[in-house]
Amino acid sequence: MGGTSRPLLCLFCLALLFYSAISELCNPEDKKVLLKIKQAFNNPYILASWNPNNDCCDWYTVTCDATSHRINSLTILAGNLSGQIPPDVGDLPYLTNLEFHKLSNVTGYIQPAIVKLTHLKSLTLSWLNLTGPIPDFLSKLKNLTSIDFSFNQLSGSIPRSLSQLPNLNGLRLDRNKLSGPIPSSFGNFPQGLYLFLSHNQLTGSIPSSFAHMDFNYIDLSRNKLEGDASVVFGSNKTIQIVDLSRNLLKFNLSKVVFPKSLTSLDLNHNMIYGGLPLELNTLNLQYLNVSYNRLCGQIPVGETEVGRSVIFNLLLLLQCTKFFKSYFSVPRICVLFLLPRCAKRLGCRVGALQQAQVFSIREFIHFEKEFSTR
């Protein structure tokens, strides 16, 4: 009996090993690469599930293609990860999504080996501590639809070659230390792009090529951009959200033609002059901020009551800055129109635009200072 059971036991063990081998879906080469990446980061706790005895398609932060079982997504978020992104990431040839996010101890340059990931569609290296320039090699990744390098320490100029990406619909380079002009080639991007370049040190003018570009959302705020921004707008465009605040822009707002699709407009802290166009009454604006400019004149009131769509969501602080030099001697008035919650704190009444409170310039400055501290 014992002599018969021993061969059966061995046969059972062999069958178990064979079953384990064929049941593992993960490609063995992909598995080796992932283990190298784990080792490069000194085996962090966030990658504890990357056990070589388990199927890597079941590992945390990893996704396999349902058919080929090749690794197609690597997403590492908000963990205790230190070091530089290793060149081994370039040895996952079927990656379509690569994301490192909220890992403040990840340093170094943007990994050059990423250029080998020709299937890549989404590249997110955000809220890290990356330095150095944005590399030109990104233009070779023709399948990219989204790039997010926000919240890093990247420096240098923005490469004009990025506009050679034919499928790009989202580009985030905000919250870095980028300098120089916005490339004129950015007017050649696919229509409907989401473009975020805010909180950098960009200079020069907004490219005239933007006149032919129909963005979905554009944020160029907190830079040092100068000149005319009217090229961003246009009657035939479908742009929805525009933030050009805290720059050095100087143009006549009353001559701008706004698209009907516009829902949010922030132009605060520039040198924009003229008045508010009457056509603002026809827009479905949910947010409007034109404070700290050189605008004067009346707030337009038409047959369409702007208050209905804007009054509970609007911050419109029309500041007649050209009067400030002699505000104690010039008996001018300005209009202060605030959100109801702000107005309640300041003790002023807000109704429809026709009922907006009118203050003397001395009172206006008092309220403006009080509001800025809230």
Protein backbone atom coordinates (compact mmCIF):
# COMPACT_ATOMS: atom_id res chain seq x y z
CA MET A 1 0.00 0.00 0.00
CA GLY A 2 2.76 2.40 0.95
CA GLY A 3 4.74 1.55 -2.17
CA THR A 4 1.73 2.33 -4.35
CA SER A 5 0.84 5.67 -2.66
CA ARG A 6 4.32 7.14 -3.02
CA PRO A 7 4.27 7.31 -6.86
CA LEU A 8 0.72 8.67 -6.74
CA LEU A 9 1.83 11.42 -4.35
CA CYS A 10 4.71 12.36 -6.64
CA LEU A 11 2.36 12.41 -9.60
CA PHE A 12 -0.02 14.68 -7.68
CA CYS A 13 2.80 17.11 -6.81
CA LEU A 14 3.92 17.25 -10.42
CA ALA A 15 0.35 17.94 -11.53
CA LEU A 16 0.05 20.70 -8.92
CA LEU A 17 3.25 22.35 -10.12
CA PHE A 18 2.12 22.07 -13.74
CA TYR A 19 -1.26 23.60 -12.88
CA SER A 20 0.38 26.49 -11.01
CA ALA A 21 2.65 27.17 -13.98
CA ILE A 22 -0.15 27.26 -16.54
CA SER A 23 -2.54 29.18 -14.23
CA GLU A 24 -0.20 32.15 -13.87
CA LEU A 25 -1.28 34.66 -16.49
CA CYS A 26 1.51 37.19 -16.06
CA ASN A 27 4.21 37.25 -18.70
CA PRO A 28 7.49 36.07 -17.06
CA GLU A 29 9.53 38.85 -18.67
CA ASP A 30 7.12 41.51 -17.38
CA LYS A 31 7.34 39.93 -13.94
CA LYS A 32 11.13 40.14 -13.94
CA VAL A 33 10.99 43.82 -14.89
CA LEU A 34 8.51 44.64 -12.13
CA LEU A 35 10.70 42.94 -9.54
CA LYS A 36 13.66 45.01 -10.75
CA ILE A 37 11.58 48.17 -10.32
CA LYS A 38 10.67 47.11 -6.80
CA GLN A 39 14.32 46.47 -5.98
CA ALA A 40 15.35 49.85 -7.43
CA PHE A 41 12.99 51.51 -4.94
CA ASN A 42 14.45 49.40 -2.07
CA ASN A 43 11.42 47.11 -1.71
CA PRO A 44 8.95 49.68 -0.32
CA TYR A 45 5.89 48.67 1.66
CA ILE A 46 3.55 50.05 -1.01
CA LEU A 47 4.82 47.28 -3.31
CA ALA A 48 4.54 44.52 -0.69
CA SER A 49 2.04 42.61 -2.85
CA TRP A 50 4.73 42.19 -5.52
CA ASN A 51 5.55 38.69 -4.34
CA PRO A 52 7.48 36.60 -6.89
CA ASN A 53 5.43 33.55 -5.84
CA ASN A 54 2.17 35.18 -6.95
CA ASP A 55 0.76 36.02 -10.34
CA CYS A 56 1.90 39.57 -11.12
CA CYS A 57 -1.43 40.27 -12.81
CA ASP A 58 -2.85 40.21 -9.27
CA TRP A 59 -0.29 42.61 -7.83
CA TYR A 60 -1.35 45.97 -6.43
CA THR A 61 -0.91 48.96 -8.81
CA VAL A 62 -0.52 46.63 -11.82
CA THR A 63 -3.01 45.79 -14.58
CA CYS A 64 -2.72 43.14 -17.29
CA ASP A 65 -4.37 43.09 -20.69
CA ALA A 66 -7.33 40.69 -20.62
CA THR A 67 -6.25 38.90 -23.78
CA SER A 68 -2.46 39.00 -23.99
CA HIS A 69 -1.91 39.20 -20.21
CA ARG A 70 0.93 41.65 -20.78
CA ILE A 71 1.31 44.48 -18.27
CA ASN A 72 -0.53 47.49 -19.73
CA SER A 73 -0.81 49.77 -16.69
CA LEU A 74 1.50 50.70 -13.82
CA THR A 75 0.01 53.18 -11.34
CA ILE A 76 1.82 53.95 -8.08
CA LEU A 77 0.07 56.52 -5.91
CA ALA A 78 0.70 58.27 -2.60
CA GLY A 79 3.11 55.95 -0.85
CA ASN A 80 6.47 55.98 0.89
CA LEU A 81 8.58 55.65 -2.24
CA SER A 82 12.06 57.14 -2.56
CA GLY A 83 14.60 57.40 -5.34
CA GLN A 84 14.56 57.91 -9.07
CA ILE A 85 12.24 56.27 -11.55
CA PRO A 86 14.39 53.36 -12.78
CA PRO A 87 15.14 52.79 -16.48
CA ASP A 88 13.46 49.37 -16.16
CA VAL A 89 10.07 51.03 -16.73
CA GLY A 90 11.06 51.22 -20.39
CA ASP A 91 11.17 47.42 -20.50
CA LEU A 92 7.40 47.06 -20.17
CA PRO A 93 6.73 47.34 -23.91
CA TYR A 94 2.94 47.06 -23.77
CA LEU A 95 2.31 49.80 -21.21
CA THR A 96 -0.49 52.17 -22.20
CA ASN A 97 -0.68 53.92 -18.83
CA LEU A 98 2.23 54.94 -16.59
CA GLU A 99 1.52 56.95 -13.46
CA PHE A 100 3.60 58.04 -10.48
CA HIS A 101 1.56 60.47 -8.36
CA LYS A 102 1.96 62.17 -4.97
CA LEU A 103 5.35 60.67 -4.21
CA SER A 104 7.36 63.63 -2.99
CA ASN A 105 10.55 61.62 -2.47
CA VAL A 106 10.75 60.53 -6.09
CA THR A 107 13.48 62.69 -7.62
CA GLY A 108 15.70 63.03 -10.66
CA TYR A 109 15.00 63.76 -14.30
CA ILE A 110 12.15 62.44 -16.41
CA GLN A 111 13.35 58.92 -17.17
CA PRO A 112 14.75 58.75 -20.77
CA ALA A 113 13.83 55.05 -21.07
CA ILE A 114 10.18 56.08 -21.29
CA VAL A 115 10.83 56.76 -24.97
CA LYS A 116 10.70 52.98 -25.54
CA LEU A 117 7.04 52.82 -24.47
CA THR A 118 5.58 53.31 -27.93
CA HIS A 119 2.11 52.09 -26.92
CA LEU A 120 1.85 54.65 -24.12
CA LYS A 121 -1.36 56.72 -24.11
CA SER A 122 -1.32 58.32 -20.66
CA LEU A 123 1.82 59.56 -18.89
CA THR A 124 1.40 61.04 -15.40
CA LEU A 125 4.41 62.04 -13.31
CA SER A 126 2.74 64.51 -10.97
CA TRP A 127 3.26 65.77 -7.42
CA LEU A 128 6.79 64.32 -7.40
CA ASN A 129 10.08 66.16 -7.02
CA LEU A 130 11.37 65.86 -10.56
CA THR A 131 13.89 68.38 -11.85
CA GLY A 132 15.51 69.24 -15.15
CA PRO A 133 13.92 69.99 -18.52
CA ILE A 134 10.93 68.51 -20.30
CA PRO A 135 12.55 66.17 -22.82
CA ASP A 136 12.07 66.36 -26.58
CA PHE A 137 11.76 62.59 -26.88
CA LEU A 138 8.11 62.80 -25.79
CA SER A 139 7.20 63.84 -29.33
CA LYS A 140 8.13 60.32 -30.47
CA LEU A 141 5.33 58.76 -28.41
CA LYS A 142 2.64 59.33 -31.02
CA ASN A 143 -0.09 57.46 -29.13
CA LEU A 144 -0.03 59.83 -26.16
CA THR A 145 -3.40 61.38 -25.36
CA SER A 146 -2.53 62.82 -21.95
CA ILE A 147 0.62 64.23 -20.30
CA ASP A 148 0.62 65.39 -16.68
CA PHE A 149 3.87 66.72 -15.18
CA SER A 150 2.19 69.10 -12.74
CA PHE A 151 3.55 69.92 -9.26
CA ASN A 152 7.24 69.23 -9.84
CA GLN A 153 10.41 71.34 -10.07
CA LEU A 154 10.87 71.10 -13.83
CA SER A 155 12.75 74.00 -15.42
CA GLY A 156 13.83 75.31 -18.80
CA SER A 157 11.66 76.07 -21.79
CA ILE A 158 8.67 74.14 -23.07
CA PRO A 159 9.70 72.09 -26.12
CA ARG A 160 7.83 73.09 -29.27
CA SER A 161 8.01 69.46 -30.40
CA LEU A 162 5.13 68.54 -28.07
CA SER A 163 2.76 69.91 -30.71
CA GLN A 164 3.79 66.99 -32.92
CA LEU A 165 1.68 64.63 -30.81
CA PRO A 166 -1.36 64.07 -33.05
CA ASN A 167 -3.66 62.54 -30.41
CA LEU A 168 -2.95 64.74 -27.41
CA ASN A 169 -6.06 66.07 -25.68
CA GLY A 170 -4.62 67.00 -22.28
CA LEU A 171 -1.35 68.71 -21.30
CA ARG A 172 -0.56 69.67 -17.69
CA LEU A 173 2.73 71.40 -17.02
CA ASP A 174 1.44 73.63 -14.23
CA ARG A 175 3.18 74.25 -10.90
CA ASN A 176 6.76 73.99 -12.12
CA LYS A 177 9.60 76.43 -12.81
CA LEU A 178 9.29 76.58 -16.58
CA SER A 179 10.47 79.75 -18.33
CA GLY A 180 10.54 81.31 -21.76
CA PRO A 181 7.63 81.77 -24.17
CA ILE A 182 4.71 79.52 -24.97
CA PRO A 183 5.71 77.86 -28.27
CA SER A 184 3.84 79.22 -31.27
CA SER A 185 3.54 75.62 -32.47
CA PHE A 186 1.01 75.03 -29.68
CA GLY A 187 -1.56 76.49 -32.04
CA ASN A 188 -1.23 73.24 -34.02
CA PHE A 189 -2.53 70.96 -31.32
CA PRO A 190 -5.71 68.92 -31.90
CA GLN A 191 -8.86 70.93 -31.21
CA GLY A 192 -10.49 70.63 -27.79
CA LEU A 193 -7.22 70.43 -25.85
CA TYR A 194 -7.05 70.90 -22.08
CA LEU A 195 -3.97 73.12 -21.53
CA PHE A 196 -2.61 73.91 -18.05
CA LEU A 197 0.54 76.03 -17.87
CA SER A 198 -0.20 78.00 -14.72
CA HIS A 199 2.18 78.80 -11.84
CA ASN A 200 5.37 78.94 -13.89
CA GLN A 201 7.67 81.76 -15.03
CA LEU A 202 6.55 81.95 -18.66
CA THR A 203 7.15 85.22 -20.49
CA GLY A 204 6.31 86.82 -23.81
CA SER A 205 2.92 87.04 -25.46
CA ILE A 206 0.20 84.48 -25.97
CA PRO A 207 0.91 83.03 -29.44
CA SER A 208 -1.13 84.51 -32.27
CA SER A 209 -1.55 80.94 -33.52
CA PHE A 210 -4.05 80.45 -30.67
CA ALA A 211 -6.53 82.32 -32.85
CA HIS A 212 -6.88 79.09 -34.84
CA MET A 213 -6.99 76.88 -31.75
CA ASP A 214 -10.20 75.88 -30.00
CA PHE A 215 -9.32 74.81 -26.46
CA ASN A 216 -11.74 73.19 -24.09
CA TYR A 217 -10.04 74.50 -20.94
CA ILE A 218 -7.01 76.78 -20.81
CA ASP A 219 -5.19 77.95 -17.68
CA LEU A 220 -2.21 80.27 -18.15
CA SER A 221 -2.54 81.99 -14.78
CA ARG A 222 0.32 83.15 -12.54
CA ASN A 223 2.97 83.69 -15.17
CA LYS A 224 4.51 86.83 -16.68
CA LEU A 225 2.67 86.83 -19.99
CA GLU A 226 2.18 90.16 -21.74
CA GLY A 227 0.10 91.74 -24.46
CA ASP A 228 -3.15 90.72 -26.10
CA ALA A 229 -5.11 87.65 -24.99
CA SER A 230 -8.12 88.16 -27.25
CA VAL A 231 -6.79 85.42 -29.58
CA VAL A 232 -7.98 82.87 -27.03
CA PHE A 233 -11.59 83.85 -27.68
CA GLY A 234 -13.80 83.98 -30.76
CA SER A 235 -17.45 83.63 -31.71
CA ASN A 236 -16.97 80.26 -33.42
CA LYS A 237 -15.05 78.63 -30.58
CA THR A 238 -16.37 76.17 -28.02
CA ILE A 239 -13.98 76.91 -25.15
CA GLN A 240 -15.63 76.65 -21.72
CA ILE A 241 -13.11 77.67 -19.06
CA VAL A 242 -10.43 80.38 -19.32
CA ASP A 243 -8.06 81.45 -16.56
CA LEU A 244 -5.52 84.12 -17.52
CA SER A 245 -5.26 85.71 -14.08
CA ARG A 246 -2.14 87.20 -12.49
CA ASN A 247 -0.16 88.02 -15.60
CA LEU A 248 0.83 91.28 -17.30
CA LEU A 249 -1.78 91.13 -20.04
CA LYS A 250 -2.91 94.41 -21.56
CA PHE A 251 -5.77 94.64 -24.05
CA ASN A 252 -9.19 96.23 -24.52
CA LEU A 253 -11.77 93.90 -23.03
CA SER A 254 -14.67 95.75 -24.61
CA LYS A 255 -13.52 94.60 -28.07
CA VAL A 256 -13.26 90.90 -27.22
CA VAL A 257 -15.78 88.55 -28.83
CA PHE A 258 -16.67 85.80 -26.39
CA PRO A 259 -17.89 82.33 -27.42
CA LYS A 260 -21.37 81.31 -26.30
CA SER A 261 -19.91 78.20 -24.66
CA LEU A 262 -17.92 80.15 -22.02
CA THR A 263 -18.89 79.24 -18.45
CA SER A 264 -15.92 80.48 -16.41
CA LEU A 265 -13.66 83.49 -17.00
CA ASP A 266 -10.89 84.68 -14.68
CA LEU A 267 -8.84 87.72 -15.74
CA ASN A 268 -7.93 89.16 -12.34
CA HIS A 269 -4.62 90.93 -11.64
CA ASN A 270 -3.68 92.09 -15.14
CA MET A 271 -3.63 95.47 -16.89
CA ILE A 272 -6.76 94.96 -18.95
CA TYR A 273 -8.64 98.14 -19.83
CA GLY A 274 -11.94 99.16 -21.40
CA GLY A 275 -15.32 98.05 -20.13
CA LEU A 276 -17.34 94.90 -19.70
CA PRO A 277 -18.91 93.95 -23.06
CA LEU A 278 -22.68 93.94 -23.26
CA GLU A 279 -22.63 90.41 -24.67
CA LEU A 280 -21.67 89.07 -21.24
CA ASN A 281 -25.41 89.22 -20.57
CA THR A 282 -25.99 86.48 -23.13
CA LEU A 283 -23.46 84.02 -21.71
CA ASN A 284 -24.21 81.29 -19.21
CA LEU A 285 -21.33 82.32 -16.97
CA GLN A 286 -20.99 80.49 -13.67
CA TYR A 287 -17.86 82.36 -12.60
CA LEU A 288 -16.43 85.74 -13.58
CA ASN A 289 -13.50 87.55 -11.98
CA VAL A 290 -12.11 90.71 -13.57
CA SER A 291 -10.74 92.27 -10.37
CA TYR A 292 -7.48 94.23 -10.16
CA ASN A 293 -7.45 95.55 -13.71
CA ARG A 294 -8.03 98.97 -15.31
CA LEU A 295 -11.67 98.43 -16.13
CA CYS A 296 -14.23 101.15 -15.67
CA GLY A 297 -17.72 101.97 -16.82
CA GLN A 298 -21.05 100.41 -16.08
CA ILE A 299 -21.82 96.78 -15.47
CA PRO A 300 -23.91 95.82 -18.51
CA VAL A 301 -27.56 95.05 -17.82
CA GLY A 302 -29.76 93.79 -20.63
CA GLU A 303 -33.07 92.07 -21.06
CA THR A 304 -31.51 88.82 -19.84
CA GLU A 305 -31.05 89.10 -16.10
CA VAL A 306 -27.44 88.09 -15.54
CA GLY A 307 -28.20 87.69 -11.87
CA ARG A 308 -30.19 84.52 -12.50
CA SER A 309 -27.21 82.52 -13.73
CA VAL A 310 -24.37 84.34 -12.05
CA ILE A 311 -25.45 86.02 -8.85
CA PHE A 312 -25.01 82.98 -6.61
CA ASN A 313 -21.74 81.89 -8.22
CA LEU A 314 -20.17 85.13 -9.35
CA LEU A 315 -17.26 87.08 -8.01
CA LEU A 316 -17.20 90.31 -9.91
CA LEU A 317 -15.03 92.93 -8.29
CA LEU A 318 -14.82 95.82 -10.71
CA GLN A 319 -11.91 97.87 -9.49
CA CYS A 320 -11.31 101.26 -11.09
CA THR A 321 -7.58 101.25 -10.45
CA LYS A 322 -6.88 104.40 -12.44
CA PHE A 323 -8.69 106.37 -9.74
CA PHE A 324 -6.53 105.05 -6.91
CA LYS A 325 -3.71 107.59 -7.24
CA SER A 326 -6.02 110.41 -6.25
CA TYR A 327 -8.91 108.62 -4.57
CA PHE A 328 -8.98 111.01 -1.64
CA SER A 329 -9.54 114.05 -3.85
CA VAL A 330 -11.55 112.61 -6.78
CA PRO A 331 -15.23 112.06 -5.89
CA ARG A 332 -15.59 109.02 -8.20
CA ILE A 333 -17.62 105.93 -7.48
CA CYS A 334 -17.06 102.29 -8.25
CA VAL A 335 -19.32 99.28 -8.02
CA LEU A 336 -18.63 96.43 -5.67
CA PHE A 337 -20.53 93.26 -6.50
CA LEU A 338 -19.69 90.28 -4.32
CA LEU A 339 -20.82 86.77 -3.64
CA PRO A 340 -23.74 86.76 -1.18
CA ARG A 341 -21.65 84.90 1.42
CA CYS A 342 -18.91 87.57 1.19
CA ALA A 343 -21.44 90.36 1.19
CA LYS A 344 -23.02 89.00 4.33
CA ARG A 345 -19.68 89.19 6.12
CA LEU A 346 -19.15 92.75 4.95
CA GLY A 347 -22.67 93.83 5.77
CA CYS A 348 -23.63 94.96 2.27
CA ARG A 349 -26.78 94.13 0.36
CA VAL A 350 -26.66 92.11 -2.88
CA GLY A 351 -29.53 91.66 -5.24
CA ALA A 352 -29.79 91.58 -9.02
CA LEU A 353 -27.30 93.71 -10.90
CA GLN A 354 -29.76 96.58 -11.05
CA GLN A 355 -29.78 96.60 -7.24
CA ALA A 356 -26.03 96.32 -6.67
CA GLN A 357 -24.72 98.63 -3.98
CA VAL A 358 -22.81 101.73 -5.08
CA PHE A 359 -20.07 102.96 -2.80
CA SER A 360 -17.89 106.02 -2.69
CA ILE A 361 -14.26 105.32 -3.51
CA ARG A 362 -13.30 105.71 0.16
CA GLU A 363 -15.89 103.10 1.16
CA PHE A 364 -14.89 100.90 -1.76
CA ILE A 365 -11.28 100.71 -0.64
CA HIS A 366 -12.36 99.86 2.89
CA PHE A 367 -14.54 97.00 1.67
CA GLU A 368 -11.92 95.82 -0.83
CA LYS A 369 -9.26 95.59 1.88
CA GLU A 370 -11.62 93.77 4.20
CA PHE A 371 -12.63 91.32 1.46
CA SER A 372 -9.02 90.55 0.51
CA THR A 373 -8.33 89.30 4.04
CA ARG A 374 -11.21 86.84 4.00
